[in-house]
N, C-alpha and C. Protein backbone atom coordinates (compact mmCIF):
# COMPACT_ATOMS: atom_id res chain seq x y z
N MET A 1 -89.99 168.06 -53.70
CA MET A 1 -90.18 168.62 -52.81
C MET A 1 -88.75 170.18 -53.14
N SER A 2 -89.42 171.66 -53.01
CA SER A 2 -88.65 172.36 -53.43
C SER A 2 -88.15 173.06 -51.69
N SER A 3 -86.89 173.07 -52.16
CA SER A 3 -85.87 173.81 -50.88
C SER A 3 -86.18 175.64 -50.68
N THR A 4 -87.14 176.16 -51.43
CA THR A 4 -87.40 177.33 -51.38
C THR A 4 -88.86 177.35 -51.01
N GLY A 5 -89.46 176.80 -50.56
CA GLY A 5 -91.22 176.55 -50.24
C GLY A 5 -91.26 177.42 -48.88
N PRO A 6 -92.62 177.46 -48.87
CA PRO A 6 -92.90 178.29 -47.84
C PRO A 6 -92.37 177.86 -46.06
N LYS A 7 -92.03 176.56 -45.83
CA LYS A 7 -91.68 176.21 -44.78
C LYS A 7 -90.08 176.58 -44.66
N GLN A 8 -89.29 176.42 -45.67
CA GLN A 8 -88.15 177.06 -45.85
C GLN A 8 -87.76 178.38 -45.59
N ALA A 9 -88.47 179.11 -45.94
CA ALA A 9 -88.86 180.64 -45.99
C ALA A 9 -88.66 181.10 -44.31
N ILE A 10 -89.74 179.67 -43.89
CA ILE A 10 -90.05 180.44 -42.16
C ILE A 10 -88.62 179.96 -41.27
N TYR A 11 -88.39 178.74 -41.81
CA TYR A 11 -86.93 178.29 -41.25
C TYR A 11 -85.99 179.80 -41.29
N ALA A 12 -85.68 180.16 -42.49
CA ALA A 12 -84.45 180.94 -42.75
C ALA A 12 -85.35 182.10 -41.92
N SER A 13 -86.23 182.72 -41.47
CA SER A 13 -86.53 184.01 -40.79
C SER A 13 -85.99 183.98 -39.32
N LEU A 14 -86.41 182.33 -39.02
CA LEU A 14 -86.68 182.12 -37.25
C LEU A 14 -84.84 181.86 -37.27
N ALA A 15 -84.08 181.47 -38.08
CA ALA A 15 -82.67 181.34 -37.73
C ALA A 15 -82.21 182.24 -37.78
N GLU A 16 -82.41 183.67 -38.69
CA GLU A 16 -82.11 184.65 -38.66
C GLU A 16 -81.82 185.99 -37.33
N VAL A 17 -83.31 185.36 -36.04
CA VAL A 17 -83.99 186.40 -35.20
C VAL A 17 -83.18 185.01 -33.95
N ALA A 18 -82.47 184.02 -33.83
CA ALA A 18 -82.17 183.23 -33.66
C ALA A 18 -80.48 183.57 -33.04
N GLN A 19 -79.67 183.82 -34.78
CA GLN A 19 -78.76 184.54 -34.84
C GLN A 19 -78.85 185.80 -34.06
N ALA A 20 -79.54 186.46 -34.24
CA ALA A 20 -79.36 187.91 -33.22
C ALA A 20 -79.70 187.38 -32.68
N LEU A 21 -80.13 186.94 -31.47
CA LEU A 21 -80.49 186.27 -29.97
C LEU A 21 -79.51 185.48 -29.42
N GLY A 22 -79.07 185.23 -30.51
CA GLY A 22 -77.82 184.03 -29.96
C GLY A 22 -76.67 184.53 -29.04
N HIS A 23 -76.81 185.70 -28.03
CA HIS A 23 -75.29 185.78 -27.28
C HIS A 23 -75.97 186.18 -25.93
N PRO A 24 -75.42 185.83 -25.11
CA PRO A 24 -76.14 185.57 -23.98
C PRO A 24 -76.10 187.53 -23.07
N HIS A 25 -75.70 188.25 -23.35
CA HIS A 25 -75.99 189.66 -23.61
C HIS A 25 -77.35 190.12 -23.74
N ARG A 26 -77.42 189.90 -25.22
CA ARG A 26 -78.46 189.82 -26.21
C ARG A 26 -79.96 189.55 -25.36
N LEU A 27 -80.28 187.89 -24.82
CA LEU A 27 -81.42 187.10 -24.17
C LEU A 27 -81.41 187.84 -22.59
N GLU A 28 -80.20 188.01 -21.85
CA GLU A 28 -80.60 188.82 -20.41
C GLU A 28 -81.13 189.82 -20.56
N LEU A 29 -80.86 191.06 -21.82
CA LEU A 29 -81.34 192.33 -22.07
C LEU A 29 -83.25 192.08 -22.41
N LEU A 30 -83.05 191.50 -22.95
CA LEU A 30 -84.89 190.72 -23.71
C LEU A 30 -85.55 190.07 -22.43
N GLU A 31 -84.99 189.29 -21.30
CA GLU A 31 -85.62 189.22 -20.14
C GLU A 31 -85.86 190.17 -19.50
N HIS A 32 -84.82 191.38 -19.33
CA HIS A 32 -85.74 192.60 -18.80
C HIS A 32 -86.00 193.51 -19.72
N LEU A 33 -86.75 193.20 -20.70
CA LEU A 33 -87.61 194.24 -21.35
C LEU A 33 -88.73 193.66 -21.28
N ALA A 34 -88.84 191.71 -21.45
CA ALA A 34 -89.80 191.71 -20.88
C ALA A 34 -90.76 191.74 -19.22
N GLN A 35 -90.10 192.22 -18.67
CA GLN A 35 -90.51 192.24 -17.69
C GLN A 35 -91.02 194.16 -17.31
N GLY A 36 -90.51 194.55 -18.38
CA GLY A 36 -91.69 195.89 -18.82
C GLY A 36 -90.56 196.77 -19.27
N VAL A 37 -91.18 198.36 -19.48
CA VAL A 37 -90.08 199.09 -20.24
C VAL A 37 -89.06 199.98 -19.32
N ARG A 38 -87.98 199.69 -20.03
CA ARG A 38 -86.70 199.76 -19.30
C ARG A 38 -85.90 201.46 -19.95
N SER A 39 -85.21 202.43 -19.12
CA SER A 39 -84.84 202.92 -19.95
C SER A 39 -82.44 201.79 -20.19
N VAL A 40 -82.27 203.06 -21.23
CA VAL A 40 -81.05 202.38 -21.42
C VAL A 40 -80.07 202.47 -20.23
N GLU A 41 -79.99 203.28 -19.92
CA GLU A 41 -79.23 203.35 -18.20
C GLU A 41 -79.88 201.79 -17.29
N ASP A 42 -81.09 202.19 -16.91
CA ASP A 42 -81.81 200.90 -16.48
C ASP A 42 -81.27 199.46 -16.51
N LEU A 43 -81.48 198.99 -18.17
CA LEU A 43 -81.09 198.09 -18.95
C LEU A 43 -79.42 197.99 -18.48
N SER A 44 -78.70 198.72 -18.66
CA SER A 44 -76.80 198.42 -18.72
C SER A 44 -76.66 198.21 -17.07
N ALA A 45 -77.14 198.80 -16.03
CA ALA A 45 -77.06 198.98 -15.05
C ALA A 45 -77.54 196.95 -14.35
N ARG A 46 -78.93 196.50 -14.87
CA ARG A 46 -79.31 195.18 -14.44
C ARG A 46 -78.22 194.85 -15.06
N ALA A 47 -77.89 194.42 -16.52
CA ALA A 47 -77.14 193.69 -17.30
C ALA A 47 -75.72 193.52 -17.13
N HIS A 48 -75.55 194.33 -15.78
CA HIS A 48 -74.05 195.00 -15.61
C HIS A 48 -73.14 194.99 -16.78
N LEU A 49 -73.16 195.99 -17.72
CA LEU A 49 -72.85 196.56 -18.62
C LEU A 49 -72.60 197.92 -18.98
N SER A 50 -71.53 198.11 -19.59
CA SER A 50 -71.06 199.50 -19.66
C SER A 50 -71.66 200.25 -20.80
């Protein structure tokens, strides 16, 4: 079995996404964005970020 098959490529891509979202602040921002379009200022205020 090849370790670079299609499933391995999918797993690698998913790992990259998980790493990009792997910080609590990023997940919080994503939650706010999922609720609708937000300005940077609004996101900053909602997430209590400067």
